[in-house]
Amino acid sequence: MTTTVPTHRTPKTRAIRKPGASRAGGQLKAGPLGYAVLILFTLGSLLPLIWTAIAASRNNNRLSQTPPPMWFGGNLFDHLKFAWTDANLGKAMLNTTIVAGTSAAVIVMLSTIAGFAFAKLRFRGRNILLLVIIGTMMVPPQLSVIPLYMMVAKLQWADQLQAVILPSLVSAFGVFFMRQYLLQALPDELIEAARVDGASSWRIIWHIVFPAARPAMAVLGMLTFVQTWNDFLWPFLVLTQNGQPTVQVALAGLGRGFTPDQSVIMAGALLGTLPLLLVFALFGKQIVGGIMQGAVKG
């Protein structure tokens, strides 16, 4: 005769979850302190731009007083109009858009191709060439001004946009940046599968490398565009305000006189900053997404 031993079912234990905690993979919610810190940092970031707009709306006499003005005046649009016409900012912005857009597009394409070569291809002298490229980043750009100016003078490119575009078409930082990204973002198995299917190197670059590197390309293009837009030293040496100026060259001649008109200079600086703000507003989400995707892949 068999006896059955009663089994006691143990109740399922439920995980104790603290209030406000999110599930794994869920989205965390910010509290009041987080919002306060974000608002504080946002206002601190916008303060220089706000002060520029305030200074552009005042006059020289008010700007020289203590304490400085803390609110807008009534001369903002008059100063913006004067700065636009006096510095010929319409032509300057068109020239700067051509220079910055061309430099960004070429640098992104060449840096992606070179970064793919250094990250995934095996060839003799690869590490030495990479060290040479990284070493050029240590050289101050001011050392190359005189040789570049002599070259531009011999080619008779003074006061022409190609004198600014061509020296900036290669970026050591761009090559290193894309190389580091493609090391993690592009699997070797994908390249080997394309090789087995008979794809050439250029087809792999066009159909595999470029789509995989799109987030990093967006970040690099934005950084290059902003850097070229704000570049002053080299355009100031080879371009003139009455010829083919960029925005920074045009702003350098703004507010001339025995006493520079600071309000007009601030108005010109505000106009020169607005296109960058527009680019960030249009492509900021893609750029931040590219940075975060690269951080996760790394």
Protein backbone atom coordinates (compact mmCIF):
# COMPACT_ATOMS: atom_id res chain seq x y z
CA MET A 1 0.00 0.00 0.00
CA THR A 2 1.51 3.23 -1.11
CA THR A 3 1.20 6.44 0.79
CA THR A 4 1.12 9.76 -0.88
CA VAL A 5 3.04 12.59 0.62
CA PRO A 6 1.14 15.85 0.33
CA THR A 7 3.01 18.44 -1.60
CA HIS A 8 2.87 22.02 -0.59
CA ARG A 9 2.89 24.48 -3.44
CA THR A 10 5.04 27.40 -2.71
CA PRO A 11 3.47 30.65 -3.81
CA LYS A 12 5.21 32.49 -6.57
CA THR A 13 7.40 35.23 -5.28
CA ARG A 14 6.83 38.58 -6.82
CA ALA A 15 9.70 40.92 -7.38
CA ILE A 16 9.53 43.88 -5.10
CA ARG A 17 9.65 46.97 -7.31
CA LYS A 18 10.38 50.33 -5.89
CA PRO A 19 8.10 53.20 -6.81
CA GLY A 20 9.32 54.99 -9.91
CA ALA A 21 11.54 52.11 -11.05
CA SER A 22 11.17 51.08 -14.69
CA ARG A 23 11.34 47.66 -16.27
CA ALA A 24 14.49 46.42 -17.94
CA GLY A 25 14.82 48.18 -21.25
CA GLY A 26 12.12 50.68 -20.35
CA GLN A 27 12.37 54.42 -20.39
CA LEU A 28 13.37 56.23 -17.23
CA LYS A 29 11.32 59.22 -16.17
CA ALA A 30 12.98 62.40 -15.04
CA GLY A 31 11.98 63.93 -11.75
CA PRO A 32 11.61 67.59 -10.81
CA LEU A 33 15.30 67.86 -9.93
CA GLY A 34 16.29 66.52 -13.33
CA TYR A 35 14.08 69.05 -15.10
CA ALA A 36 15.48 71.85 -12.96
CA VAL A 37 19.07 70.91 -13.83
CA LEU A 38 18.24 70.63 -17.54
CA ILE A 39 16.53 74.03 -17.55
CA LEU A 40 19.49 75.58 -15.73
CA PHE A 41 22.02 74.21 -18.21
CA THR A 42 19.82 75.19 -21.16
CA LEU A 43 19.57 78.77 -19.96
CA GLY A 44 23.32 78.85 -19.37
CA SER A 45 23.93 77.64 -22.93
CA LEU A 46 21.55 80.21 -24.41
CA LEU A 47 22.86 83.11 -22.32
CA PRO A 48 25.62 84.18 -24.80
CA LEU A 49 23.15 84.18 -27.68
CA ILE A 50 20.57 86.10 -25.66
CA TRP A 51 23.17 88.66 -24.59
CA THR A 52 24.25 89.10 -28.22
CA ALA A 53 20.67 89.87 -29.20
CA ILE A 54 20.29 92.30 -26.28
CA ALA A 55 23.53 94.10 -27.17
CA ALA A 56 22.45 94.28 -30.82
CA SER A 57 19.25 96.04 -29.80
CA ARG A 58 21.04 98.78 -27.84
CA ASN A 59 23.54 101.51 -28.76
CA ASN A 60 27.18 102.11 -27.88
CA ASN A 61 26.42 104.57 -25.10
CA ARG A 62 24.15 102.14 -23.28
CA LEU A 63 26.56 99.22 -23.71
CA SER A 64 29.38 101.21 -22.10
CA GLN A 65 27.37 101.93 -18.96
CA THR A 66 27.45 99.96 -15.74
CA PRO A 67 25.48 97.83 -15.08
CA PRO A 68 25.02 96.59 -18.68
CA PRO A 69 21.51 96.30 -20.13
CA MET A 70 19.59 93.17 -19.21
CA TRP A 71 16.64 93.52 -21.60
CA PHE A 72 16.05 94.28 -25.25
CA GLY A 73 16.00 97.75 -26.70
CA GLY A 74 14.24 99.09 -29.77
CA ASN A 75 17.10 99.15 -32.31
CA LEU A 76 17.46 95.45 -33.05
CA PHE A 77 15.94 95.37 -36.53
CA ASP A 78 17.62 98.63 -37.57
CA HIS A 79 21.03 97.31 -36.57
CA LEU A 80 20.37 93.95 -38.27
CA LYS A 81 19.43 95.74 -41.50
CA PHE A 82 22.49 97.99 -41.34
CA ALA A 83 24.84 95.06 -40.65
CA TRP A 84 23.31 93.05 -43.51
CA THR A 85 23.90 95.81 -46.05
CA ASP A 86 27.16 97.25 -44.71
CA ALA A 87 28.98 93.90 -44.53
CA ASN A 88 27.30 92.47 -47.64
CA LEU A 89 26.29 89.45 -45.58
CA GLY A 90 24.03 88.04 -48.29
CA LYS A 91 26.99 87.39 -50.60
CA ALA A 92 29.18 86.36 -47.67
CA MET A 93 26.66 83.73 -46.49
CA LEU A 94 26.35 82.32 -50.00
CA ASN A 95 30.13 82.03 -50.29
CA THR A 96 30.42 80.46 -46.86
CA THR A 97 27.66 77.96 -47.65
CA ILE A 98 29.52 76.92 -50.82
CA VAL A 99 32.84 76.60 -48.97
CA ALA A 100 31.46 74.82 -45.91
CA GLY A 101 29.12 72.55 -47.87
CA THR A 102 31.79 71.48 -50.36
CA SER A 103 34.39 70.89 -47.66
CA ALA A 104 31.97 68.91 -45.49
CA ALA A 105 30.78 66.69 -48.37
CA VAL A 106 34.27 65.90 -49.66
CA ILE A 107 35.75 65.36 -46.19
CA VAL A 108 32.94 62.99 -45.21
CA MET A 109 33.32 60.91 -48.38
CA LEU A 110 37.13 60.74 -48.36
CA SER A 111 37.31 60.16 -44.61
CA THR A 112 34.80 57.30 -44.83
CA ILE A 113 36.74 55.59 -47.62
CA ALA A 114 40.09 56.07 -45.87
CA GLY A 115 38.61 55.03 -42.52
CA PHE A 116 37.27 51.83 -44.09
CA ALA A 117 40.69 51.08 -45.55
CA PHE A 118 42.46 51.54 -42.21
CA ALA A 119 39.78 49.63 -40.27
CA LYS A 120 39.07 46.60 -42.47
CA LEU A 121 41.71 46.24 -45.19
CA ARG A 122 45.10 44.66 -44.70
CA PHE A 123 48.00 46.27 -46.55
CA ARG A 124 51.67 46.87 -45.95
CA GLY A 125 52.51 49.95 -43.88
CA ARG A 126 48.95 50.46 -42.61
CA ASN A 127 49.91 51.18 -39.00
CA ILE A 128 52.74 53.52 -39.99
CA LEU A 129 50.49 55.51 -42.30
CA LEU A 130 47.86 55.76 -39.59
CA LEU A 131 50.44 57.07 -37.12
CA VAL A 132 51.57 59.66 -39.68
CA ILE A 133 47.97 60.82 -40.17
CA ILE A 134 47.41 61.07 -36.42
CA GLY A 135 50.75 62.88 -36.07
CA THR A 136 49.59 65.63 -38.43
CA MET A 137 46.89 66.48 -35.90
CA MET A 138 49.64 67.58 -33.50
CA VAL A 139 51.00 70.21 -35.90
CA PRO A 140 49.57 73.71 -35.25
CA PRO A 141 47.68 74.95 -38.32
CA GLN A 142 49.46 78.31 -38.11
CA LEU A 143 52.69 76.65 -39.29
CA SER A 144 51.17 75.89 -42.68
CA VAL A 145 49.92 79.41 -43.36
CA ILE A 146 53.05 80.73 -45.11
CA PRO A 147 53.58 77.70 -47.43
CA LEU A 148 49.89 77.68 -48.32
CA TYR A 149 49.89 81.40 -49.04
CA MET A 150 52.94 81.05 -51.31
CA MET A 151 51.20 78.24 -53.18
CA VAL A 152 48.00 80.26 -53.58
CA ALA A 153 49.99 83.25 -54.84
CA LYS A 154 51.75 81.14 -57.48
CA LEU A 155 48.44 79.70 -58.65
CA GLN A 156 46.92 83.21 -58.72
CA TRP A 157 44.01 82.13 -56.57
CA ALA A 158 44.00 85.14 -54.27
CA ASP A 159 40.49 86.34 -53.42
CA GLN A 160 38.93 83.21 -54.95
CA LEU A 161 36.91 80.57 -53.13
CA GLN A 162 39.04 77.65 -54.29
CA ALA A 163 41.89 79.08 -52.22
CA VAL A 164 39.79 78.35 -49.13
CA ILE A 165 38.15 75.12 -50.30
CA LEU A 166 41.09 73.05 -51.56
CA PRO A 167 43.33 73.21 -48.43
CA SER A 168 40.45 71.94 -46.30
CA LEU A 169 39.35 68.92 -48.34
CA VAL A 170 41.33 66.39 -46.24
CA SER A 171 40.90 65.93 -42.50
CA ALA A 172 43.13 63.76 -40.33
CA PHE A 173 40.53 63.88 -37.57
CA GLY A 174 37.86 62.70 -40.02
CA VAL A 175 39.92 59.69 -41.09
CA PHE A 176 40.63 58.70 -37.48
CA PHE A 177 37.01 59.28 -36.46
CA MET A 178 35.57 57.11 -39.24
CA ARG A 179 38.19 54.43 -38.70
CA GLN A 180 37.27 54.10 -35.02
CA TYR A 181 33.56 53.96 -35.84
CA LEU A 182 33.85 51.37 -38.62
CA LEU A 183 35.96 49.07 -36.45
CA GLN A 184 32.85 48.34 -34.37
CA ALA A 185 29.95 49.19 -36.68
CA LEU A 186 30.99 47.11 -39.70
CA PRO A 187 31.27 43.33 -39.15
CA ASP A 188 34.02 41.49 -40.98
CA GLU A 189 31.56 38.73 -41.89
CA LEU A 190 29.48 41.18 -43.92
CA ILE A 191 32.49 42.19 -46.00
CA GLU A 192 33.54 38.56 -46.48
CA ALA A 193 30.03 37.65 -47.64
CA ALA A 194 30.14 40.46 -50.17
CA ARG A 195 33.52 39.26 -51.39
CA VAL A 196 32.14 35.74 -51.85
CA ASP A 197 29.29 37.16 -53.94
CA GLY A 198 31.86 38.80 -56.21
CA ALA A 199 31.46 42.41 -55.09
CA SER A 200 34.35 44.74 -55.81
CA SER A 201 35.87 47.08 -53.24
CA TRP A 202 34.05 50.12 -54.63
CA ARG A 203 30.72 48.26 -54.61
CA ILE A 204 31.30 47.24 -50.99
CA ILE A 205 32.03 50.86 -50.12
CA TRP A 206 28.92 52.16 -51.88
CA HIS A 207 26.39 49.50 -50.80
CA ILE A 208 27.75 48.40 -47.40
CA VAL A 209 30.20 50.89 -45.91
CA PHE A 210 28.25 54.08 -46.61
CA PRO A 211 24.92 52.77 -45.21
CA ALA A 212 26.65 51.35 -42.12
CA ALA A 213 28.59 54.57 -41.51
CA ARG A 214 25.65 56.94 -42.08
CA PRO A 215 25.28 58.04 -38.41
CA ALA A 216 28.99 58.82 -38.07
CA MET A 217 29.00 60.54 -41.46
CA ALA A 218 26.20 62.84 -40.29
CA VAL A 219 28.14 63.76 -37.15
CA LEU A 220 31.38 64.34 -39.04
CA GLY A 221 29.62 66.40 -41.70
CA MET A 222 28.01 68.62 -39.09
CA LEU A 223 31.25 69.16 -37.17
CA THR A 224 33.11 69.97 -40.39
CA PHE A 225 30.41 72.36 -41.58
CA VAL A 226 30.45 74.29 -38.29
CA GLN A 227 34.25 74.41 -38.16
CA THR A 228 34.51 75.67 -41.74
CA TRP A 229 31.73 78.21 -41.20
CA ASN A 230 33.56 79.66 -38.18
CA ASP A 231 37.04 79.56 -39.73
CA PHE A 232 38.63 83.00 -39.75
CA LEU A 233 42.43 83.02 -40.07
CA TRP A 234 42.97 81.47 -43.48
CA PRO A 235 39.95 83.08 -45.23
CA PHE A 236 40.99 86.45 -43.77
CA LEU A 237 44.45 86.08 -45.35
CA VAL A 238 43.38 85.06 -48.86
CA LEU A 239 39.99 86.77 -49.24
CA THR A 240 38.94 90.42 -49.11
CA GLN A 241 35.71 92.00 -47.96
CA ASN A 242 35.04 93.62 -51.35
CA GLY A 243 35.88 90.49 -53.35
CA GLN A 244 34.65 87.03 -52.32
CA PRO A 245 34.30 87.24 -48.53
CA THR A 246 33.10 84.58 -46.16
CA VAL A 247 30.94 85.45 -43.17
CA GLN A 248 33.86 85.81 -40.77
CA VAL A 249 35.81 88.00 -43.21
CA ALA A 250 32.76 90.19 -43.77
CA LEU A 251 32.19 90.55 -40.03
CA ALA A 252 35.83 91.58 -39.51
CA GLY A 253 35.18 94.81 -41.41
CA LEU A 254 31.91 95.58 -39.66
CA GLY A 255 31.56 98.54 -37.30
CA ARG A 256 34.60 100.40 -38.63
CA GLY A 257 35.49 103.81 -37.29
CA PHE A 258 37.45 105.57 -34.59
CA THR A 259 35.07 104.03 -32.05
CA PRO A 260 33.77 100.64 -33.21
CA ASP A 261 30.01 100.32 -33.03
CA GLN A 262 29.63 97.30 -30.76
CA SER A 263 25.88 97.06 -31.27
CA VAL A 264 26.29 96.74 -35.05
CA ILE A 265 29.06 94.18 -34.57
CA MET A 266 26.79 92.16 -32.29
CA ALA A 267 24.00 92.38 -34.86
CA GLY A 268 26.33 91.01 -37.54
CA ALA A 269 27.48 88.22 -35.22
CA LEU A 270 23.85 87.33 -34.56
CA LEU A 271 23.11 87.13 -38.28
CA GLY A 272 26.20 84.98 -38.83
CA THR A 273 25.07 82.56 -36.12
CA LEU A 274 21.47 82.11 -37.30
CA PRO A 275 22.28 79.70 -40.20
CA LEU A 276 24.10 77.38 -37.79
CA LEU A 277 21.15 77.41 -35.43
CA LEU A 278 18.87 76.56 -38.36
CA VAL A 279 21.07 73.61 -39.34
CA PHE A 280 21.05 72.33 -35.76
CA ALA A 281 17.28 72.71 -35.59
CA LEU A 282 16.79 70.71 -38.80
CA PHE A 283 19.39 67.97 -38.32
CA GLY A 284 19.98 67.95 -34.56
CA LYS A 285 17.93 64.80 -33.99
CA GLN A 286 19.86 62.83 -36.61
CA ILE A 287 23.19 64.10 -35.26
CA VAL A 288 22.40 63.19 -31.65
CA GLY A 289 21.09 59.82 -32.81
CA GLY A 290 24.33 59.20 -34.69
CA ILE A 291 26.42 60.07 -31.65
CA MET A 292 24.36 57.80 -29.37
CA GLN A 293 24.43 54.93 -31.87
CA GLY A 294 28.20 55.22 -32.13
CA ALA A 295 28.48 55.24 -28.35
CA VAL A 296 26.37 52.08 -28.04
CA LYS A 297 28.33 50.29 -30.76
CA GLY A 298 31.61 51.25 -29.10
